[in-house]
Amino acid sequence: MGQRNIPLRGHNWDKDAKREDGNFDFFVHWKAEDKPVLKQHLATAAYNAKYLSPDIQNEIIAIAGDEVLEVILSRARCAKWFSIMADECTDVANLEQMAVCIRFVDVKSIVNEDFIGFVPLDKVDAASISTALLKIMEDCKLDLRKFTGQGYDGASVMSGLKSGVSAPN
C-alpha cells in the first residue's frame, strides 16, 4: 500500500462490528478468503488479539515510515550533495510545524525529491527555523559539507536576504 501511496486507515470506525472502512482492514479480510489460518484467526481471536485496531495500524505506519525514511536517507547520504526544502504550516491542532523535503541526485543520476518529516516549531522566526533545520539534518546524519541548496515557500521569514533563514551567517 505504501509503494502505491494508498492509505491504510479509513475514516469510519464501526464500534459494534469493531471494524474500519480502511484499506488495511479490507486487505486483511480479503487475504483471509484464501488463507485458512488467517481466516480462522479473524473468526476466533479475541478483538484485542486480531491486531487490526487503529492503534495497531498506527504502529505499523510508524514502523514502515521509519524504514522508508531510512532508505531515503541512506540514498541521500551517498549523493555528492543535497538540498533541503521547507515550508512552515499550522496543523489542525494549531501547532506550528514545518514540512521538510530533501532533494538529491542519486548514484544512477536520478533526481530525487522526498519528504523526510514534519518538524515542530516553538516560534516561526528565522532563528528557530534555522535551528530546527540544522537539527533535522544532524538527526538524519546528513553531512553538512554536502549541503548545497535550500528552498522555501517565499515568506519573508524564510527567504529574506538579510534576516531570513536563507541569509548568510
N, C-alpha and C. Protein backbone atom coordinates (compact mmCIF):
# COMPACT_ATOMS: atom_id res chain seq x y z
N MET A 1 0.82 -1.19 0.00
CA MET A 1 0.00 0.00 0.00
C MET A 1 0.87 1.25 0.00
N GLY A 2 1.96 1.19 0.75
CA GLY A 2 2.86 2.33 0.80
C GLY A 2 3.52 2.60 -0.54
N GLN A 3 3.91 1.55 -1.25
CA GLN A 3 4.54 1.72 -2.55
C GLN A 3 3.58 2.34 -3.55
N ARG A 4 2.30 2.13 -3.36
CA ARG A 4 1.30 2.67 -4.28
C ARG A 4 0.63 3.93 -3.75
N ASN A 5 1.13 4.41 -2.61
CA ASN A 5 0.62 5.63 -2.00
C ASN A 5 -0.87 5.51 -1.66
N ILE A 6 -1.25 4.34 -1.15
CA ILE A 6 -2.63 4.07 -0.76
C ILE A 6 -2.70 4.11 0.77
N PRO A 7 -3.60 4.87 1.34
CA PRO A 7 -3.66 4.95 2.81
C PRO A 7 -4.14 3.65 3.43
N LEU A 8 -3.59 3.32 4.60
CA LEU A 8 -4.05 2.15 5.34
C LEU A 8 -5.37 2.44 6.03
N ARG A 9 -5.41 3.57 6.71
CA ARG A 9 -6.54 3.91 7.57
C ARG A 9 -7.74 4.38 6.76
N GLY A 10 -8.91 4.11 7.33
CA GLY A 10 -10.15 4.61 6.77
C GLY A 10 -10.63 5.81 7.56
N HIS A 11 -11.88 6.15 7.38
CA HIS A 11 -12.44 7.31 8.07
C HIS A 11 -13.49 6.94 9.10
N ASN A 12 -14.08 5.77 8.95
CA ASN A 12 -15.19 5.41 9.83
C ASN A 12 -14.89 4.13 10.60
N TRP A 13 -15.04 4.22 11.91
CA TRP A 13 -14.84 3.07 12.79
C TRP A 13 -16.20 2.60 13.25
N ASP A 14 -16.55 1.37 12.93
CA ASP A 14 -17.82 0.78 13.34
C ASP A 14 -17.61 0.15 14.72
N LYS A 15 -18.13 0.81 15.76
CA LYS A 15 -17.92 0.35 17.14
C LYS A 15 -18.54 -1.01 17.40
N ASP A 16 -19.69 -1.27 16.80
CA ASP A 16 -20.36 -2.55 17.03
C ASP A 16 -19.61 -3.70 16.37
N ALA A 17 -19.26 -3.55 15.11
CA ALA A 17 -18.55 -4.60 14.39
C ALA A 17 -17.05 -4.57 14.69
N LYS A 18 -16.59 -3.48 15.31
CA LYS A 18 -15.17 -3.27 15.60
C LYS A 18 -14.34 -3.45 14.33
N ARG A 19 -14.80 -2.74 13.30
CA ARG A 19 -14.12 -2.76 12.00
C ARG A 19 -14.07 -1.35 11.45
N GLU A 20 -13.07 -1.14 10.63
CA GLU A 20 -12.87 0.14 10.00
C GLU A 20 -13.09 -0.02 8.50
N ASP A 21 -13.41 1.08 7.84
CA ASP A 21 -13.63 1.02 6.40
C ASP A 21 -12.34 1.23 5.60
N GLY A 22 -11.19 1.05 6.22
CA GLY A 22 -9.92 1.34 5.56
C GLY A 22 -9.39 0.20 4.71
N ASN A 23 -8.35 0.51 3.96
CA ASN A 23 -7.73 -0.45 3.05
C ASN A 23 -7.03 -1.58 3.79
N PHE A 24 -6.42 -1.28 4.95
CA PHE A 24 -5.74 -2.33 5.72
C PHE A 24 -6.72 -3.40 6.15
N ASP A 25 -7.83 -2.98 6.74
CA ASP A 25 -8.85 -3.93 7.19
C ASP A 25 -9.40 -4.72 6.00
N PHE A 26 -9.67 -4.02 4.90
CA PHE A 26 -10.18 -4.69 3.70
C PHE A 26 -9.18 -5.73 3.20
N PHE A 27 -7.90 -5.34 3.13
CA PHE A 27 -6.86 -6.23 2.61
C PHE A 27 -6.72 -7.48 3.48
N VAL A 28 -6.71 -7.32 4.79
CA VAL A 28 -6.56 -8.48 5.69
C VAL A 28 -7.74 -9.43 5.52
N HIS A 29 -8.95 -8.90 5.47
CA HIS A 29 -10.12 -9.78 5.31
C HIS A 29 -10.16 -10.41 3.91
N TRP A 30 -9.70 -9.68 2.91
CA TRP A 30 -9.64 -10.23 1.55
C TRP A 30 -8.63 -11.39 1.49
N LYS A 31 -7.45 -11.21 2.11
CA LYS A 31 -6.45 -12.27 2.11
C LYS A 31 -6.93 -13.48 2.91
N ALA A 32 -7.77 -13.25 3.90
CA ALA A 32 -8.29 -14.35 4.71
C ALA A 32 -9.17 -15.30 3.89
N GLU A 33 -9.70 -14.83 2.77
CA GLU A 33 -10.54 -15.69 1.93
C GLU A 33 -9.76 -16.89 1.39
N ASP A 34 -8.45 -16.72 1.12
CA ASP A 34 -7.68 -17.85 0.60
C ASP A 34 -6.55 -18.28 1.54
N LYS A 35 -6.54 -17.78 2.75
CA LYS A 35 -5.55 -18.17 3.75
C LYS A 35 -6.31 -18.69 4.98
N PRO A 36 -6.50 -20.02 5.06
CA PRO A 36 -7.30 -20.60 6.14
C PRO A 36 -6.83 -20.21 7.55
N VAL A 37 -5.54 -20.13 7.75
CA VAL A 37 -5.03 -19.79 9.08
C VAL A 37 -5.47 -18.38 9.46
N LEU A 38 -5.34 -17.45 8.52
CA LEU A 38 -5.76 -16.07 8.78
C LEU A 38 -7.27 -15.99 8.98
N LYS A 39 -8.02 -16.72 8.16
CA LYS A 39 -9.48 -16.72 8.29
C LYS A 39 -9.91 -17.24 9.66
N GLN A 40 -9.27 -18.31 10.11
CA GLN A 40 -9.60 -18.86 11.43
C GLN A 40 -9.22 -17.87 12.53
N HIS A 41 -8.06 -17.26 12.38
CA HIS A 41 -7.62 -16.28 13.38
C HIS A 41 -8.64 -15.14 13.51
N LEU A 42 -9.07 -14.60 12.38
CA LEU A 42 -10.03 -13.49 12.41
C LEU A 42 -11.38 -13.92 12.98
N ALA A 43 -11.74 -15.17 12.75
CA ALA A 43 -13.04 -15.66 13.22
C ALA A 43 -13.03 -16.01 14.71
N THR A 44 -11.88 -16.42 15.25
CA THR A 44 -11.86 -16.93 16.62
C THR A 44 -11.10 -16.08 17.63
N ALA A 45 -10.21 -15.24 17.18
CA ALA A 45 -9.38 -14.46 18.12
C ALA A 45 -10.21 -13.39 18.80
N ALA A 46 -9.86 -13.13 20.03
CA ALA A 46 -10.49 -12.01 20.73
C ALA A 46 -10.15 -10.72 19.99
N TYR A 47 -11.00 -9.72 20.13
CA TYR A 47 -10.81 -8.48 19.40
C TYR A 47 -9.40 -7.92 19.58
N ASN A 48 -8.93 -7.88 20.82
CA ASN A 48 -7.62 -7.27 21.07
C ASN A 48 -6.46 -8.14 20.60
N ALA A 49 -6.73 -9.33 20.11
CA ALA A 49 -5.67 -10.21 19.61
C ALA A 49 -5.70 -10.32 18.08
N LYS A 50 -6.59 -9.56 17.42
CA LYS A 50 -6.64 -9.60 15.96
C LYS A 50 -5.62 -8.67 15.32
N TYR A 51 -5.18 -7.68 16.06
CA TYR A 51 -4.16 -6.74 15.58
C TYR A 51 -4.64 -5.94 14.36
N LEU A 52 -5.88 -5.49 14.42
CA LEU A 52 -6.44 -4.69 13.34
C LEU A 52 -6.89 -3.30 13.80
N SER A 53 -6.74 -2.99 15.05
CA SER A 53 -7.25 -1.74 15.60
C SER A 53 -6.50 -0.53 15.03
N PRO A 54 -7.08 0.65 15.14
CA PRO A 54 -6.38 1.86 14.70
C PRO A 54 -5.04 2.04 15.39
N ASP A 55 -4.93 1.66 16.66
CA ASP A 55 -3.65 1.78 17.36
C ASP A 55 -2.58 0.90 16.71
N ILE A 56 -2.94 -0.33 16.38
CA ILE A 56 -2.00 -1.25 15.72
C ILE A 56 -1.64 -0.71 14.34
N GLN A 57 -2.64 -0.19 13.63
CA GLN A 57 -2.36 0.38 12.32
C GLN A 57 -1.39 1.56 12.44
N ASN A 58 -1.56 2.38 13.47
CA ASN A 58 -0.63 3.49 13.69
C ASN A 58 0.78 2.98 13.95
N GLU A 59 0.91 1.88 14.70
CA GLU A 59 2.23 1.29 14.94
C GLU A 59 2.85 0.80 13.64
N ILE A 60 2.05 0.15 12.82
CA ILE A 60 2.54 -0.35 11.53
C ILE A 60 2.99 0.82 10.65
N ILE A 61 2.19 1.87 10.62
CA ILE A 61 2.53 3.06 9.84
C ILE A 61 3.84 3.66 10.34
N ALA A 62 4.00 3.77 11.65
CA ALA A 62 5.22 4.35 12.22
C ALA A 62 6.44 3.50 11.87
N ILE A 63 6.32 2.19 12.01
CA ILE A 63 7.44 1.29 11.71
C ILE A 63 7.80 1.36 10.23
N ALA A 64 6.78 1.30 9.37
CA ALA A 64 7.03 1.38 7.93
C ALA A 64 7.61 2.74 7.57
N GLY A 65 7.11 3.80 8.19
CA GLY A 65 7.62 5.14 7.93
C GLY A 65 9.08 5.27 8.29
N ASP A 66 9.48 4.70 9.42
CA ASP A 66 10.88 4.72 9.83
C ASP A 66 11.76 4.00 8.81
N GLU A 67 11.26 2.86 8.31
CA GLU A 67 12.03 2.10 7.33
C GLU A 67 12.15 2.85 6.01
N VAL A 68 11.06 3.46 5.56
CA VAL A 68 11.09 4.24 4.31
C VAL A 68 12.03 5.42 4.46
N LEU A 69 11.94 6.12 5.58
CA LEU A 69 12.82 7.27 5.82
C LEU A 69 14.28 6.84 5.79
N GLU A 70 14.60 5.72 6.40
CA GLU A 70 16.00 5.27 6.42
C GLU A 70 16.49 4.94 5.02
N VAL A 71 15.64 4.38 4.16
CA VAL A 71 16.03 4.10 2.77
C VAL A 71 16.31 5.42 2.04
N ILE A 72 15.44 6.40 2.21
CA ILE A 72 15.62 7.72 1.57
C ILE A 72 16.93 8.33 2.04
N LEU A 73 17.15 8.35 3.36
CA LEU A 73 18.35 8.99 3.91
C LEU A 73 19.62 8.25 3.52
N SER A 74 19.56 6.94 3.45
CA SER A 74 20.72 6.16 3.04
C SER A 74 21.13 6.54 1.62
N ARG A 75 20.15 6.69 0.75
CA ARG A 75 20.43 7.08 -0.64
C ARG A 75 20.94 8.52 -0.69
N ALA A 76 20.37 9.39 0.13
CA ALA A 76 20.79 10.80 0.15
C ALA A 76 22.21 10.93 0.67
N ARG A 77 22.58 10.12 1.65
CA ARG A 77 23.94 10.17 2.21
C ARG A 77 24.99 9.77 1.18
N CYS A 78 24.62 8.94 0.21
CA CYS A 78 25.54 8.51 -0.84
C CYS A 78 25.68 9.55 -1.95
N ALA A 79 24.79 10.51 -2.00
CA ALA A 79 24.82 11.53 -3.04
C ALA A 79 25.98 12.49 -2.81
N LYS A 80 26.43 13.15 -3.90
CA LYS A 80 27.53 14.10 -3.79
C LYS A 80 27.09 15.35 -3.04
N TRP A 81 25.82 15.71 -3.16
CA TRP A 81 25.29 16.88 -2.48
C TRP A 81 23.78 16.74 -2.33
N PHE A 82 23.21 17.59 -1.52
CA PHE A 82 21.76 17.58 -1.31
C PHE A 82 21.30 18.99 -1.00
N SER A 83 20.01 19.19 -1.15
CA SER A 83 19.40 20.46 -0.74
C SER A 83 18.18 20.15 0.11
N ILE A 84 17.78 21.14 0.87
CA ILE A 84 16.63 21.00 1.76
C ILE A 84 15.57 22.00 1.33
N MET A 85 14.33 21.54 1.34
CA MET A 85 13.20 22.43 1.07
C MET A 85 12.29 22.39 2.30
N ALA A 86 11.80 23.55 2.69
CA ALA A 86 10.98 23.63 3.89
C ALA A 86 9.82 24.59 3.67
N ASP A 87 8.72 24.26 4.33
CA ASP A 87 7.54 25.11 4.29
C ASP A 87 6.88 25.04 5.65
N GLU A 88 6.72 26.17 6.30
CA GLU A 88 6.07 26.18 7.60
C GLU A 88 4.57 26.12 7.41
N CYS A 89 3.91 25.47 8.35
CA CYS A 89 2.46 25.34 8.27
C CYS A 89 1.88 25.16 9.67
N THR A 90 0.59 25.32 9.77
CA THR A 90 -0.13 25.10 11.01
C THR A 90 -1.03 23.90 10.81
N ASP A 91 -0.99 22.94 11.74
CA ASP A 91 -1.85 21.77 11.56
C ASP A 91 -3.20 21.99 12.25
N VAL A 92 -4.01 20.96 12.28
CA VAL A 92 -5.36 21.09 12.80
C VAL A 92 -5.42 21.42 14.28
N ALA A 93 -4.36 21.13 15.02
CA ALA A 93 -4.34 21.43 16.45
C ALA A 93 -3.72 22.81 16.71
N ASN A 94 -3.57 23.59 15.65
CA ASN A 94 -2.95 24.92 15.73
C ASN A 94 -1.53 24.87 16.26
N LEU A 95 -0.82 23.80 15.94
CA LEU A 95 0.59 23.68 16.29
C LEU A 95 1.42 24.08 15.09
N GLU A 96 2.40 24.93 15.30
CA GLU A 96 3.29 25.33 14.22
C GLU A 96 4.24 24.18 13.93
N GLN A 97 4.41 23.87 12.67
CA GLN A 97 5.35 22.85 12.27
C GLN A 97 5.86 23.17 10.87
N MET A 98 6.88 22.49 10.49
CA MET A 98 7.50 22.73 9.20
C MET A 98 7.61 21.40 8.46
N ALA A 99 7.18 21.37 7.22
CA ALA A 99 7.36 20.20 6.37
C ALA A 99 8.74 20.32 5.73
N VAL A 100 9.51 19.23 5.78
CA VAL A 100 10.88 19.26 5.26
C VAL A 100 11.03 18.15 4.22
N CYS A 101 11.60 18.54 3.07
CA CYS A 101 11.89 17.60 2.00
C CYS A 101 13.37 17.69 1.66
N ILE A 102 13.91 16.61 1.15
CA ILE A 102 15.30 16.58 0.72
C ILE A 102 15.33 16.33 -0.79
N ARG A 103 16.26 16.98 -1.45
CA ARG A 103 16.41 16.81 -2.89
C ARG A 103 17.87 16.45 -3.15
N PHE A 104 18.09 15.42 -3.97
CA PHE A 104 19.44 14.98 -4.27
C PHE A 104 19.45 14.19 -5.57
N VAL A 105 20.62 14.04 -6.16
CA VAL A 105 20.79 13.22 -7.35
C VAL A 105 21.48 11.94 -6.88
N ASP A 106 20.83 10.80 -7.14
CA ASP A 106 21.38 9.53 -6.65
C ASP A 106 22.49 9.00 -7.54
N VAL A 107 23.04 7.86 -7.18
CA VAL A 107 24.18 7.29 -7.91
C VAL A 107 23.83 6.90 -9.34
N LYS A 108 22.53 6.78 -9.66
CA LYS A 108 22.09 6.48 -11.02
C LYS A 108 21.74 7.75 -11.79
N SER A 109 22.10 8.90 -11.23
CA SER A 109 21.85 10.22 -11.83
C SER A 109 20.36 10.55 -11.93
N ILE A 110 19.59 10.02 -11.01
CA ILE A 110 18.16 10.30 -10.96
C ILE A 110 17.91 11.33 -9.86
N VAL A 111 17.16 12.39 -10.21
CA VAL A 111 16.83 13.42 -9.24
C VAL A 111 15.73 12.88 -8.32
N ASN A 112 15.96 12.96 -7.02
CA ASN A 112 15.01 12.51 -6.01
C ASN A 112 14.56 13.71 -5.19
N GLU A 113 13.29 13.75 -4.90
CA GLU A 113 12.74 14.79 -4.04
C GLU A 113 11.78 14.08 -3.10
N ASP A 114 12.17 13.95 -1.84
CA ASP A 114 11.42 13.13 -0.90
C ASP A 114 11.11 13.87 0.39
N PHE A 115 9.92 13.63 0.90
CA PHE A 115 9.51 14.16 2.19
C PHE A 115 10.26 13.41 3.28
N ILE A 116 10.83 14.16 4.24
CA ILE A 116 11.54 13.48 5.33
C ILE A 116 10.92 13.74 6.70
N GLY A 117 9.94 14.63 6.79
CA GLY A 117 9.27 14.75 8.06
C GLY A 117 8.68 16.12 8.35
N PHE A 118 7.87 16.13 9.39
CA PHE A 118 7.36 17.38 9.95
C PHE A 118 8.19 17.69 11.18
N VAL A 119 8.56 18.95 11.32
CA VAL A 119 9.37 19.38 12.46
C VAL A 119 8.55 20.39 13.26
N PRO A 120 8.30 20.12 14.55
CA PRO A 120 7.56 21.09 15.36
C PRO A 120 8.39 22.36 15.57
N LEU A 121 7.72 23.50 15.61
CA LEU A 121 8.39 24.78 15.81
C LEU A 121 7.81 25.47 17.03
N ASP A 122 8.69 25.95 17.91
CA ASP A 122 8.24 26.75 19.05
C ASP A 122 7.83 28.14 18.61
N LYS A 123 8.63 28.71 17.72
CA LYS A 123 8.35 30.03 17.16
C LYS A 123 8.59 29.98 15.67
N VAL A 124 7.92 30.86 14.94
CA VAL A 124 8.10 30.92 13.50
C VAL A 124 8.94 32.16 13.16
N ASP A 125 10.20 32.13 13.58
CA ASP A 125 11.12 33.19 13.22
C ASP A 125 12.35 32.53 12.58
N ALA A 126 13.17 33.34 11.94
CA ALA A 126 14.31 32.80 11.19
C ALA A 126 15.24 31.97 12.07
N ALA A 127 15.53 32.45 13.28
CA ALA A 127 16.45 31.73 14.15
C ALA A 127 15.90 30.35 14.53
N SER A 128 14.62 30.28 14.90
CA SER A 128 14.01 28.99 15.29
C SER A 128 13.96 28.03 14.12
N ILE A 129 13.61 28.53 12.95
CA ILE A 129 13.51 27.68 11.77
C ILE A 129 14.90 27.17 11.38
N SER A 130 15.90 28.06 11.40
CA SER A 130 17.28 27.65 11.07
C SER A 130 17.76 26.58 12.02
N THR A 131 17.51 26.78 13.31
CA THR A 131 17.92 25.79 14.32
C THR A 131 17.23 24.45 14.07
N ALA A 132 15.95 24.49 13.78
CA ALA A 132 15.19 23.25 13.53
C ALA A 132 15.72 22.52 12.29
N LEU A 133 16.04 23.28 11.23
CA LEU A 133 16.56 22.65 10.02
C LEU A 133 17.94 22.01 10.26
N LEU A 134 18.79 22.72 10.97
CA LEU A 134 20.10 22.15 11.29
C LEU A 134 19.96 20.90 12.15
N LYS A 135 19.01 20.92 13.07
CA LYS A 135 18.80 19.76 13.94
C LYS A 135 18.30 18.55 13.14
N ILE A 136 17.35 18.76 12.24
CA ILE A 136 16.85 17.61 11.48
C ILE A 136 17.94 17.04 10.58
N MET A 137 18.78 17.92 10.02
CA MET A 137 19.87 17.40 9.19
C MET A 137 20.87 16.62 10.05
N GLU A 138 21.12 17.11 11.26
CA GLU A 138 22.01 16.39 12.19
C GLU A 138 21.38 15.07 12.61
N ASP A 139 20.09 15.09 12.98
CA ASP A 139 19.40 13.86 13.38
C ASP A 139 19.38 12.82 12.26
N CYS A 140 19.31 13.30 11.02
CA CYS A 140 19.29 12.41 9.86
C CYS A 140 20.69 11.98 9.43
N LYS A 141 21.69 12.45 10.18
CA LYS A 141 23.09 12.10 9.91
C LYS A 141 23.51 12.49 8.49
N LEU A 142 23.08 13.68 8.08
CA LEU A 142 23.46 14.20 6.77
C LEU A 142 24.74 15.03 6.92
N ASP A 143 25.65 14.86 6.00
CA ASP A 143 26.93 15.57 6.02
C ASP A 143 26.69 17.00 5.54
N LEU A 144 26.82 17.97 6.45
CA LEU A 144 26.55 19.36 6.10
C LEU A 144 27.53 19.91 5.07
N ARG A 145 28.66 19.26 4.86
CA ARG A 145 29.58 19.69 3.81
C ARG A 145 28.98 19.43 2.42
N LYS A 146 27.97 18.55 2.35
CA LYS A 146 27.29 18.26 1.09
C LYS A 146 26.03 19.10 0.90
N PHE A 147 25.72 19.92 1.86
CA PHE A 147 24.50 20.76 1.83
C PHE A 147 24.75 21.94 0.90
N THR A 148 24.10 21.92 -0.26
CA THR A 148 24.39 22.93 -1.28
C THR A 148 23.21 23.82 -1.65
N GLY A 149 22.03 23.52 -1.18
CA GLY A 149 20.89 24.35 -1.59
C GLY A 149 19.79 24.33 -0.57
N GLN A 150 18.96 25.36 -0.64
CA GLN A 150 17.82 25.46 0.26
C GLN A 150 16.68 26.13 -0.47
N GLY A 151 15.48 25.64 -0.22
CA GLY A 151 14.31 26.21 -0.86
C GLY A 151 13.22 26.43 0.17
N TYR A 152 12.52 27.55 0.04
CA TYR A 152 11.49 27.90 1.00
C TYR A 152 10.24 28.36 0.26
N ASP A 153 9.19 28.59 1.01
CA ASP A 153 7.91 28.95 0.42
C ASP A 153 7.83 30.40 -0.04
N GLY A 154 8.84 31.19 0.17
CA GLY A 154 8.83 32.57 -0.28
C GLY A 154 8.45 33.57 0.80
N ALA A 155 7.98 33.11 1.95
CA ALA A 155 7.63 34.03 3.03
C ALA A 155 8.91 34.74 3.48
N SER A 156 8.79 35.98 3.90
CA SER A 156 9.97 36.76 4.24
C SER A 156 10.78 36.15 5.37
N VAL A 157 10.12 35.51 6.32
CA VAL A 157 10.87 34.89 7.42
C VAL A 157 11.76 33.76 6.90
N MET A 158 11.36 33.15 5.79
CA MET A 158 12.14 32.06 5.23
C MET A 158 13.20 32.57 4.26
N SER A 159 12.83 33.46 3.37
CA SER A 159 13.73 33.79 2.27
C SER A 159 14.35 35.18 2.33
N GLY A 160 14.11 35.91 3.39
CA GLY A 160 14.68 37.26 3.48
C GLY A 160 16.20 37.24 3.38
N LEU A 161 16.77 38.10 2.54
CA LEU A 161 18.22 38.10 2.31
C LEU A 161 19.02 38.57 3.51
N LYS A 162 18.45 39.42 4.34
CA LYS A 162 19.21 39.97 5.46
C LYS A 162 18.94 39.26 6.79
N SER A 163 17.69 38.83 7.01
CA SER A 163 17.38 38.21 8.29
C SER A 163 16.59 36.91 8.17
N GLY A 164 16.39 36.42 6.96
CA GLY A 164 15.64 35.18 6.78
C GLY A 164 16.49 33.95 7.03
N VAL A 165 15.86 32.81 6.93
CA VAL A 165 16.54 31.54 7.16
C VAL A 165 17.69 31.38 6.16
N SER A 166 17.48 31.84 4.92
CA SER A 166 18.49 31.64 3.88
C SER A 166 19.60 32.70 3.92
N ALA A 167 19.52 33.65 4.83
CA ALA A 167 20.54 34.69 4.91
C ALA A 167 21.89 34.08 5.28
N PRO A 168 22.97 34.61 4.67
CA PRO A 168 24.29 34.08 5.03
C PRO A 168 24.62 34.43 6.47
N ASN A 169 25.37 33.55 7.13
CA ASN A 169 25.74 33.79 8.54
C ASN A 169 26.83 34.81 8.63
